[in-house]
Protein backbone atom coordinates (compact mmCIF):
# COMPACT_ATOMS: atom_id res chain seq x y z
CA UNK A 1 -0.03 -0.11 0.02
CA UNK A 2 1.45 3.10 -0.96
CA UNK A 3 1.39 5.40 2.06
CA UNK A 4 3.12 8.32 0.49
CA UNK A 5 0.15 8.76 -1.83
CA UNK A 6 -2.13 9.27 1.56
CA UNK A 7 0.25 11.60 3.20
CA UNK A 8 0.08 13.91 0.26
CA UNK A 9 -3.78 13.52 -0.01
CA UNK A 10 -4.47 16.08 3.19
CA UNK A 11 -2.93 18.57 6.21
CA UNK A 12 -2.27 16.55 9.12
CA UNK A 13 -0.54 13.92 10.99
CA UNK A 14 0.25 10.27 9.74
CA UNK A 15 1.74 7.84 12.09
CA UNK A 16 3.08 4.61 10.74
CA UNK A 17 5.60 3.68 13.15
CA UNK A 18 4.38 1.06 15.53
CA UNK A 19 5.19 2.96 18.62
CA UNK A 20 3.61 6.10 17.30
CA UNK A 21 0.57 4.30 16.70
CA UNK A 22 0.36 2.09 19.99
CA UNK A 23 -2.04 4.55 22.01
CA UNK A 24 -4.43 4.29 19.25
CA UNK A 25 -4.77 0.56 19.06
CA UNK A 26 -5.66 -0.37 22.58
CA UNK A 27 -9.32 0.76 23.97
CA UNK A 28 -9.26 2.67 27.13
CA UNK A 29 -10.27 -0.65 29.59
CA UNK A 30 -6.89 -2.45 27.57
CA UNK A 31 -9.88 -4.94 27.10
CA UNK A 32 -9.15 -5.09 22.84
CA UNK A 33 -5.70 -4.67 20.88
CA UNK A 34 -5.76 -4.44 17.42
CA UNK A 35 -3.34 -3.42 14.62
CA UNK A 36 -3.68 -0.67 11.68
CA UNK A 37 -2.36 0.25 8.41
CA UNK A 38 -1.65 3.89 9.91
CA UNK A 39 -2.97 6.28 12.37
CA UNK A 40 -4.24 9.61 10.08
CA UNK A 41 -4.38 12.78 12.18
CA UNK A 42 -6.29 14.63 9.48
CA UNK A 43 -6.46 18.60 10.41
CA UNK A 44 -9.75 20.00 8.64
CA UNK A 45 -13.47 18.10 7.56
CA UNK A 46 -12.28 18.52 4.10
CA UNK A 47 -9.39 16.42 4.90
CA UNK A 48 -11.40 13.97 6.55
CA UNK A 49 -13.08 13.52 3.47
CA UNK A 50 -9.65 13.07 1.37
CA UNK A 51 -8.50 10.22 3.85
CA UNK A 52 -11.75 8.45 3.62
CA UNK A 53 -12.03 8.89 -0.29
CA UNK A 54 -8.37 7.52 -0.66
CA UNK A 55 -9.51 4.48 1.72
CA UNK A 56 -12.32 4.00 -0.40
CA UNK A 57 -10.34 3.68 -3.89
CA UNK A 58 -8.24 0.93 -2.32
CA UNK A 59 -10.87 -0.77 -0.44
CA UNK A 60 -9.37 -0.02 3.41
CA UNK A 61 -11.36 0.15 6.15
CA UNK A 62 -11.61 3.14 8.27
CA UNK A 63 -11.95 3.22 12.05
CA UNK A 64 -12.88 6.48 12.93
CA UNK A 65 -11.69 7.35 16.63
CA UNK A 66 -12.71 10.25 19.21
CA UNK A 67 -10.71 10.40 22.62
CA UNK A 68 -10.50 6.78 23.15
CA UNK A 69 -12.43 6.53 26.05
CA UNK A 70 -15.00 4.15 24.62
CA UNK A 71 -16.32 1.13 27.03
CA UNK A 72 -17.26 -0.88 24.40
CA UNK A 73 -14.46 -1.70 22.06
CA UNK A 74 -16.37 0.43 19.30
CA UNK A 75 -13.20 2.25 18.30
CA UNK A 76 -10.42 -0.09 18.51
CA UNK A 77 -9.11 -1.84 15.05
CA UNK A 78 -9.12 -5.68 14.74
CA UNK A 79 -6.19 -7.84 14.48
CA UNK A 80 -5.76 -8.12 10.73
CA UNK A 81 -3.57 -4.79 10.32
CA UNK A 82 -5.48 -3.65 7.09
CA UNK A 83 -7.77 -0.87 8.76
CA UNK A 84 -6.73 2.63 8.85
CA UNK A 85 -7.52 4.52 12.13
CA UNK A 86 -8.79 7.87 11.44
CA UNK A 87 -8.29 9.79 14.82
CA UNK A 88 -10.46 13.37 14.90
CA UNK A 89 -8.43 14.90 17.69
CA UNK A 90 -6.81 17.70 15.75
CA UNK A 91 -10.34 18.81 14.57
CA UNK A 92 -10.47 20.81 17.89
CA UNK A 93 -12.17 24.00 16.88
CA UNK A 94 -15.15 25.89 18.21
CA UNK A 95 -16.31 27.34 15.67
CA UNK A 96 -18.90 29.85 16.83
CA UNK A 97 -21.83 30.47 19.20
CA UNK A 98 -25.11 32.20 18.90
CA UNK A 99 -26.10 32.79 22.62
CA UNK A 100 -29.25 34.30 21.14
CA UNK A 101 -30.18 30.91 19.59
CA UNK A 102 -28.63 28.90 22.46
CA UNK A 103 -26.31 27.05 19.85
CA UNK A 104 -22.45 26.35 19.62
CA UNK A 105 -20.75 24.79 16.55
CA UNK A 106 -17.84 22.96 17.36
CA UNK A 107 -15.81 20.59 15.46
CA UNK A 108 -15.52 16.51 16.45
CA UNK A 109 -12.19 16.53 18.15
CA UNK A 110 -13.35 19.56 20.61
CA UNK A 111 -13.58 17.79 24.24
CA UNK A 112 -16.62 17.59 25.97
CA UNK A 113 -15.10 19.82 28.94
CA UNK A 114 -13.96 22.47 26.22
CA UNK A 115 -17.32 22.37 25.19
CA UNK A 116 -18.78 22.97 28.86
CA UNK A 117 -16.07 26.10 29.21
CA UNK A 118 -16.80 27.71 25.86
CA UNK A 119 -20.63 27.64 26.94
CA UNK A 120 -19.92 28.59 30.52
CA UNK A 121 -17.76 31.79 29.21
CA UNK A 122 -21.16 32.76 26.98
CA UNK A 123 -23.14 32.84 30.16
CA UNK A 124 -24.62 29.52 28.84
CA UNK A 125 -24.83 25.52 30.10
CA UNK A 126 -23.81 22.55 28.24
CA UNK A 127 -25.17 20.14 30.46
CA UNK A 128 -24.14 16.83 28.74
CA UNK A 129 -21.59 15.40 31.55
CA UNK A 130 -19.69 12.40 32.45
CA UNK A 131 -16.79 10.78 34.09
CA UNK A 132 -14.22 11.11 31.07
CA UNK A 133 -15.31 14.90 30.14
CA UNK A 134 -11.65 15.90 30.11
CA UNK A 135 -10.47 13.48 27.57
CA UNK A 136 -13.81 12.40 25.63
CA UNK A 137 -14.55 14.09 22.36
CA UNK A 138 -17.86 15.55 21.09
CA UNK A 139 -17.57 13.37 17.71
CA UNK A 140 -17.08 10.45 19.96
CA UNK A 141 -19.94 11.24 22.25
CA UNK A 142 -22.61 11.69 19.36
CA UNK A 143 -21.25 8.60 17.84
CA UNK A 144 -21.93 6.67 20.87
CA UNK A 145 -24.79 8.92 22.08
CA UNK A 146 -23.41 9.37 25.19
CA UNK A 147 -25.74 9.81 28.45
CA UNK A 148 -24.08 10.76 31.97
CA UNK A 149 -25.97 12.08 34.82
CA UNK A 150 -28.06 15.00 33.58
CA UNK A 151 -30.14 13.04 30.83
CA UNK A 152 -32.97 13.16 33.33
CA UNK A 153 -33.24 16.96 32.68
CA UNK A 154 -31.42 17.78 29.48
CA UNK A 155 -32.03 13.95 27.20
CA UNK A 156 -28.36 12.16 25.93
CA UNK A 157 -26.22 13.26 23.35
CA UNK A 158 -28.59 12.66 20.50
CA UNK A 159 -31.74 15.28 22.38
CA UNK A 160 -28.86 18.22 22.54
CA UNK A 161 -27.32 17.99 19.14
CA UNK A 162 -29.71 20.16 16.39
CA UNK A 163 -27.23 19.41 13.29
CA UNK A 164 -24.12 17.42 12.17
CA UNK A 165 -21.50 17.43 9.49
CA UNK A 166 -20.63 14.39 8.41
CA UNK A 167 -18.18 12.62 6.03
CA UNK A 168 -19.72 9.90 4.14
CA UNK A 169 -18.39 6.62 3.57
CA UNK A 170 -17.98 7.73 -0.21
CA UNK A 171 -15.72 10.44 1.21
CA UNK A 172 -18.35 13.38 0.21
CA UNK A 173 -18.93 15.89 2.84
CA UNK A 174 -22.73 17.08 4.01
CA UNK A 175 -22.92 19.86 5.76
CA UNK A 176 -26.09 19.39 8.07
CA UNK A 177 -25.02 22.03 10.80
CA UNK A 178 -28.33 24.01 10.65
CA UNK A 179 -29.12 25.29 14.07
CA UNK A 180 -32.81 24.95 13.88
CA UNK A 181 -35.12 23.16 16.46
CA UNK A 182 -37.59 23.05 13.61
CA UNK A 183 -36.92 21.02 10.35
CA UNK A 184 -39.63 19.09 8.98
CA UNK A 185 -38.43 18.65 5.57
CA UNK A 186 -37.47 14.68 4.97
CA UNK A 187 -35.55 12.23 6.75
CA UNK A 188 -33.74 12.75 9.55
CA UNK A 189 -30.27 12.01 8.34
CA UNK A 190 -28.35 13.25 11.75
CA UNK A 191 -30.58 10.51 13.81
CA UNK A 192 -29.08 7.79 11.47
CA UNK A 193 -25.42 9.13 12.21
CA UNK A 194 -26.12 9.81 16.22
CA UNK A 195 -25.35 6.58 17.99
CA UNK A 196 -23.81 4.45 14.59
CA UNK A 197 -20.61 4.00 16.27
CA UNK A 198 -18.84 5.26 12.72
CA UNK A 199 -20.37 2.23 11.08
CA UNK A 200 -22.20 4.93 8.40
CA UNK A 201 -19.75 7.80 8.30
CA UNK A 202 -17.42 9.94 10.30
CA UNK A 203 -19.06 13.19 12.44
CA UNK A 204 -16.71 15.73 11.84
CA UNK A 205 -18.71 18.94 13.45
CA UNK A 206 -22.11 19.33 15.26
CA UNK A 207 -24.69 22.10 16.15
CA UNK A 208 -25.41 21.73 20.10
CA UNK A 209 -28.23 23.01 22.12
CA UNK A 210 -27.36 25.63 25.01
CA UNK A 211 -29.26 26.28 28.13
CA UNK A 212 -29.40 29.16 30.63
CA UNK A 213 -26.42 29.09 33.02
CA UNK A 214 -28.56 28.14 36.41
CA UNK A 215 -27.98 30.42 39.34
CA UNK A 216 -27.54 27.44 42.06
CA UNK A 217 -26.79 24.14 41.94
CA UNK A 218 -27.73 21.89 45.33
CA UNK A 219 -27.25 18.21 45.91
CA UNK A 220 -28.95 15.89 48.58
CA UNK A 221 -27.25 12.46 49.72
CA UNK A 222 -30.37 10.39 50.72
CA UNK A 223 -30.56 7.25 52.41
CA UNK A 224 -32.99 5.51 51.11
CA UNK A 225 -34.24 2.06 52.54
CA UNK A 226 -34.76 0.30 49.11
CA UNK A 227 -35.05 1.05 45.30
CA UNK A 228 -38.51 1.10 45.28
CA UNK A 229 -38.50 3.89 47.81
CA UNK A 230 -35.81 5.44 45.77
CA UNK A 231 -38.44 5.11 42.62
CA UNK A 232 -41.07 6.92 44.59
CA UNK A 233 -38.96 9.57 45.89
CA UNK A 234 -37.83 9.88 42.64
CA UNK A 235 -41.59 10.11 41.43
CA UNK A 236 -42.39 12.85 44.10
CA UNK A 237 -39.52 15.02 42.94
CA UNK A 238 -40.54 15.18 39.58
CA UNK A 239 -43.98 16.09 40.47
CA UNK A 240 -42.86 18.84 42.86
CA UNK A 241 -39.47 19.85 41.48
CA UNK A 242 -40.13 19.56 37.76
CA UNK A 243 -37.22 20.66 35.50
CA UNK A 244 -35.37 21.78 38.34
CA UNK A 245 -34.78 18.45 39.22
CA UNK A 246 -31.58 17.77 37.09
CA UNK A 247 -30.14 14.49 38.02
CA UNK A 248 -31.33 11.39 40.40
CA UNK A 249 -28.73 8.81 41.03
CA UNK A 250 -28.99 5.49 42.77
CA UNK A 251 -26.10 3.81 44.25
CA UNK A 252 -25.91 0.79 46.60
CA UNK A 253 -24.03 0.54 50.20
CA UNK A 254 -21.45 -1.90 48.63
CA UNK A 255 -20.62 1.54 45.87
CA UNK A 256 -20.06 3.61 48.76
CA UNK A 257 -18.17 1.21 50.88
CA UNK A 258 -15.76 0.51 47.74
CA UNK A 259 -15.24 4.38 47.28
CA UNK A 260 -14.50 4.95 50.92
CA UNK A 261 -12.17 1.77 50.76
CA UNK A 262 -10.12 3.22 47.43
CA UNK A 263 -10.63 7.31 47.91
CA UNK A 264 -8.63 8.81 50.74
CA UNK A 265 -11.41 12.02 50.90
CA UNK A 266 -14.03 9.95 50.90
CA UNK A 267 -16.84 10.10 53.76
CA UNK A 268 -20.12 8.74 54.39
CA UNK A 269 -22.04 12.31 54.98
CA UNK A 270 -24.80 10.64 57.07
CA UNK A 271 -24.92 9.51 60.75
CA UNK A 272 -25.99 5.87 60.13
CA UNK A 273 -25.30 3.33 56.86
CA UNK A 274 -28.40 2.73 54.66
CA UNK A 275 -28.32 -0.14 52.41
CA UNK A 276 -29.37 2.26 49.29
CA UNK A 277 -28.73 5.81 48.69
CA UNK A 278 -29.72 8.61 46.29
CA UNK A 279 -27.79 11.65 45.28
CA UNK A 280 -30.45 14.39 44.34
CA UNK A 281 -29.42 17.49 42.40
CA UNK A 282 -31.75 20.66 42.17
CA UNK A 283 -30.75 23.73 39.72
CA UNK A 284 -32.63 27.12 39.81
CA UNK A 285 -31.84 30.01 37.60
CA UNK A 286 -32.89 32.59 40.05
CA UNK A 287 -31.04 31.52 43.69
CA UNK A 288 -29.00 29.05 46.05
CA UNK A 289 -32.24 30.17 48.43
CA UNK A 290 -35.24 28.95 46.40
CA UNK A 291 -33.33 25.61 45.28
CA UNK A 292 -32.61 25.05 48.67
CA UNK A 293 -36.22 25.64 49.81
CA UNK A 294 -37.36 23.31 47.07
CA UNK A 295 -35.02 20.65 48.30
CA UNK A 296 -35.78 20.77 51.80
CA UNK A 297 -39.31 20.50 51.04
CA UNK A 298 -38.76 17.91 49.11
CA UNK A 299 -37.25 15.76 51.89
CA UNK A 300 -39.76 16.92 54.57
CA UNK A 301 -42.62 14.84 52.15
CA UNK A 302 -40.15 12.29 51.64
CA UNK A 303 -39.04 11.50 55.47
CA UNK A 304 -43.16 11.77 56.05
CA UNK A 305 -43.42 9.05 53.74
CA UNK A 306 -40.69 6.63 54.97
CA UNK A 307 -39.08 7.01 51.53
CA UNK A 308 -35.91 8.83 53.34
CA UNK A 309 -34.49 8.12 56.57
CA UNK A 310 -31.51 10.81 56.29
CA UNK A 311 -30.12 13.39 54.34
CA UNK A 312 -26.82 15.63 53.95
CA UNK A 313 -27.84 18.60 51.67
CA UNK A 314 -24.85 20.52 50.39
CA UNK A 315 -24.15 24.30 51.70
CA UNK A 316 -20.90 25.18 49.75
CA UNK A 317 -19.50 24.28 46.52
CA UNK A 318 -17.05 21.99 48.10
CA UNK A 319 -19.55 20.11 49.70
CA UNK A 320 -21.38 19.63 46.56
CA UNK A 321 -18.44 18.35 44.63
CA UNK A 322 -18.03 15.95 47.84
CA UNK A 323 -21.18 14.51 47.37
CA UNK A 324 -21.13 14.45 43.60
CA UNK A 325 -17.47 12.75 44.01
CA UNK A 326 -18.99 9.24 46.09
CA UNK A 327 -20.94 8.98 42.83
CA UNK A 328 -18.63 9.83 40.34
CA UNK A 329 -15.49 7.27 42.09
CA UNK A 330 -17.74 4.20 42.51
CA UNK A 331 -16.24 3.13 38.96
CA UNK A 332 -12.53 3.65 39.51
CA UNK A 333 -13.01 2.38 43.04
CA UNK A 334 -14.71 -1.03 41.61
CA UNK A 335 -11.64 -1.26 39.23
CA UNK A 336 -9.07 -0.98 42.04
CA UNK A 337 -10.73 -4.65 43.32
CA UNK A 338 -9.91 -6.40 40.22
CA UNK A 339 -11.91 -8.39 38.03
CA UNK A 340 -15.52 -6.70 36.89
CA UNK A 341 -18.35 -8.13 35.21
CA UNK A 342 -20.11 -4.99 34.11
CA UNK A 343 -23.85 -4.01 32.63
CA UNK A 344 -24.76 -1.11 31.04
CA UNK A 345 -28.60 -1.62 31.20
CA UNK A 346 -31.49 0.53 30.63
CA UNK A 347 -35.58 -0.41 32.25
CA UNK A 348 -38.55 1.41 32.60
CA UNK A 349 -38.19 3.19 35.91
CA UNK A 350 -41.16 1.57 36.84
CA UNK A 351 -39.75 -1.80 36.70
CA UNK A 352 -36.25 -1.07 38.26
CA UNK A 353 -37.01 -1.75 42.03
CA UNK A 354 -38.40 -5.16 40.66
CA UNK A 355 -35.41 -6.00 38.60
CA UNK A 356 -32.86 -5.54 41.35
CA UNK A 357 -34.99 -8.30 43.86
CA UNK A 358 -35.05 -10.60 41.40
CA UNK A 359 -31.83 -10.40 39.38
CA UNK A 360 -30.31 -10.07 43.01
CA UNK A 361 -32.01 -13.42 44.12
CA UNK A 362 -31.19 -14.89 41.06
CA UNK A 363 -27.22 -14.05 40.86
CA UNK A 364 -27.19 -15.39 44.42
CA UNK A 365 -28.92 -18.60 43.90
CA UNK A 366 -26.97 -19.41 40.53
CA UNK A 367 -23.69 -17.64 41.60
CA UNK A 368 -23.56 -17.30 45.30
CA UNK A 369 -21.20 -15.02 47.03
CA UNK A 370 -20.70 -12.48 44.45
CA UNK A 371 -20.64 -9.07 45.42
CA UNK A 372 -23.62 -6.72 43.19
CA UNK A 373 -21.93 -3.26 43.03
CA UNK A 374 -25.19 -1.47 41.48
CA UNK A 375 -25.39 1.86 40.92
CA UNK A 376 -26.97 4.12 37.73
CA UNK A 377 -28.92 7.10 36.79
CA UNK A 378 -32.28 5.89 38.24
CA UNK A 379 -33.71 9.02 36.85
CA UNK A 380 -34.11 7.85 33.26
CA UNK A 381 -33.88 4.26 33.61
CA UNK A 382 -30.04 3.39 33.04
CA UNK A 383 -28.57 0.84 35.78
CA UNK A 384 -24.77 0.29 35.68
CA UNK A 385 -25.54 -3.44 37.34
CA UNK A 386 -21.83 -4.72 38.19
CA UNK A 387 -20.33 -7.64 39.98
CA UNK A 388 -17.19 -8.21 41.59
CA UNK A 389 -15.60 -11.53 43.07
CA UNK A 390 -16.33 -11.94 46.61
CA UNK A 391 -14.29 -10.01 48.79
CA UNK A 392 -11.03 -11.93 49.74
CA UNK A 393 -11.60 -14.11 46.71
CA UNK A 394 -8.38 -14.63 44.68
CA UNK A 395 -9.07 -17.17 42.02
CA UNK A 396 -9.37 -14.41 38.93
CA UNK A 397 -10.00 -17.06 36.31
CA UNK A 398 -13.01 -18.83 38.15
CA UNK A 399 -14.46 -15.45 38.36
CA UNK A 400 -13.52 -14.66 34.59
CA UNK A 401 -15.42 -18.22 33.62
CA UNK A 402 -18.84 -16.94 34.98
CA UNK A 403 -19.10 -13.79 32.74
CA UNK A 404 -20.76 -15.50 29.76
CA UNK A 405 -23.21 -17.22 32.03
CA UNK A 406 -23.46 -14.07 34.03
CA UNK A 407 -24.41 -11.52 31.30
CA UNK A 408 -26.95 -14.35 29.72
CA UNK A 409 -28.65 -14.68 33.10
CA UNK A 410 -28.74 -10.85 33.31
CA UNK A 411 -29.50 -9.69 29.93
CA UNK A 412 -32.37 -12.07 29.73
CA UNK A 413 -33.78 -10.51 33.00
CA UNK A 414 -33.18 -6.86 30.89
CA UNK A 415 -35.12 -8.55 28.23
CA UNK A 416 -38.07 -9.54 30.44
CA UNK A 417 -38.82 -6.16 31.52
CA UNK A 418 -38.18 -4.81 27.98
CA UNK A 419 -35.41 -3.53 28.83
CA UNK A 420 -32.33 -2.54 26.72
CA UNK A 421 -28.72 -4.22 27.19
CA UNK A 422 -26.94 -1.30 26.30
CA UNK A 423 -28.03 2.01 27.51
CA UNK A 424 -25.21 4.27 26.93
CA UNK A 425 -22.18 2.63 26.21
CA UNK A 426 -22.99 1.38 22.53
CA UNK A 427 -22.83 -1.99 21.53
CA UNK A 428 -19.14 -2.00 19.62
CA UNK A 429 -17.85 -5.50 19.69
CA UNK A 430 -18.43 -6.00 23.64
CA UNK A 431 -22.31 -6.60 23.08
CA UNK A 432 -22.16 -7.21 19.18
CA UNK A 433 -23.38 -10.72 18.97
CA UNK A 434 -25.32 -10.42 22.00
CA UNK A 435 -27.61 -8.14 20.47
CA UNK A 436 -28.77 -10.99 17.97
CA UNK A 437 -30.47 -12.76 20.59
CA UNK A 438 -32.40 -9.80 22.00
CA UNK A 439 -33.61 -7.83 18.57
CA UNK A 440 -36.18 -9.03 15.71
CA UNK A 441 -35.44 -10.33 12.61
CA UNK A 442 -37.27 -7.36 11.20
CA UNK A 443 -35.23 -4.90 13.34
CA UNK A 444 -31.70 -6.51 12.05
CA UNK A 445 -32.86 -6.71 8.61
CA UNK A 446 -33.60 -2.81 8.84
CA UNK A 447 -30.59 -2.07 10.34
CA UNK A 448 -28.47 -3.82 7.89
CA UNK A 449 -30.31 -2.44 4.79
CA UNK A 450 -29.22 1.07 6.39
CA UNK A 451 -25.69 -0.12 6.81
CA UNK A 452 -25.89 -1.64 3.22
CA UNK A 453 -27.54 1.70 1.61
CA UNK A 454 -24.85 3.94 3.28
CA UNK A 455 -21.71 2.14 3.18
CA UNK A 456 -22.21 -0.85 0.45
CA UNK A 457 -18.26 -1.35 0.67
CA UNK A 458 -18.19 -2.21 4.44
CA UNK A 459 -15.42 0.02 5.12
CA UNK A 460 -16.59 2.51 7.99
CA UNK A 461 -15.93 0.88 10.98
CA UNK A 462 -16.33 -2.69 9.79
CA UNK A 463 -17.25 -5.83 12.69
CA UNK A 464 -18.94 -3.33 15.10
CA UNK A 465 -22.50 -3.07 15.70
CA UNK A 466 -24.14 -5.18 13.54
CA UNK A 467 -23.95 -9.27 14.72
């Protein structure tokens, strides 16, 4: 393959040395490692199109990659060494902000944190918030339809995007960056590319929604006796707070004990432990006093109904951050324990309590002694239903052997409640083949028809998403 022609076809960087390519060939979890013909980092959308055209002419597969923080292997090449990794990190400009229209236009390689900061400087809020926000990029967020902690109020990445710029599988550049909230002129091409994990084309820029910057954000860390009580409290909070309720996160005591064990500064902010906790965030565009009043009134009703037994409400920014750290440090703390079995699932909110009760019991019956590490975005029905080995267990191979049967048990249970086996992490290669068990033949056929229509040569991120 004559890479000199490729080098001359675009402005940017081209890596062909093994050491230079290595950081782009292994996923963030170090679960998958592949090989590549080269790694291209174009400077502009036109350069991305030139790279894709070079690949199409030579039937070279393309693996788009953003910040490489995905959890499902969707941005890692296979082991054949035939593919070109297309890194978008040099497309890193905030093109423009329209404060009147409440929109921001950014290139795909801009990090989520940079978008948040640019919005804040303009007196606006971009609400998407993820643990990897300092590294993950907007292109990757949209390609995987990222969720995060504020989906309850603002929606996921799809809901926050008004328009896209995309390089198609043919190497053509589509400009669909209109900042319109109403555009009823045909198929929603934007929605085809969002969540497609790079299998249909390459997102190079996006027009995103902005919101008024809240004057105050207050958090409450609440002890609840059960998931059923947590859901009841969520329902009450939605009825009383409306749009002021911006996040509602569920955590088991097992999660919090792991954080306390592995994060030196972590402290349970309550006088007594509880089997479950909720982290509730309230935002207000007027004042902190009004946010506190709303939260305190909510907690009074929760105590009266025995849906909550104790609560700690943030009074300062440092307290607010400390409460959120208890939630945000769970994944890293579980990882510090060693091997994990993870499930990123979505359920109807009304089914969460029954799902946890039934599935916990089935896990204990079939695989006794394993630690359940359950937490997630109860406000939008997304649970991270994870497992770690029994405390003190040393047989990693034995625990690893349980992954496939535990996955089957959990995902069958999810299907029984009309849920989804991937809520926000995408299918990638991790859940690609499992998804066939839970999708109808009609659904799979429609997906394959779209893939065939938009990428007839099957060069865009082959081997991902579709079983």
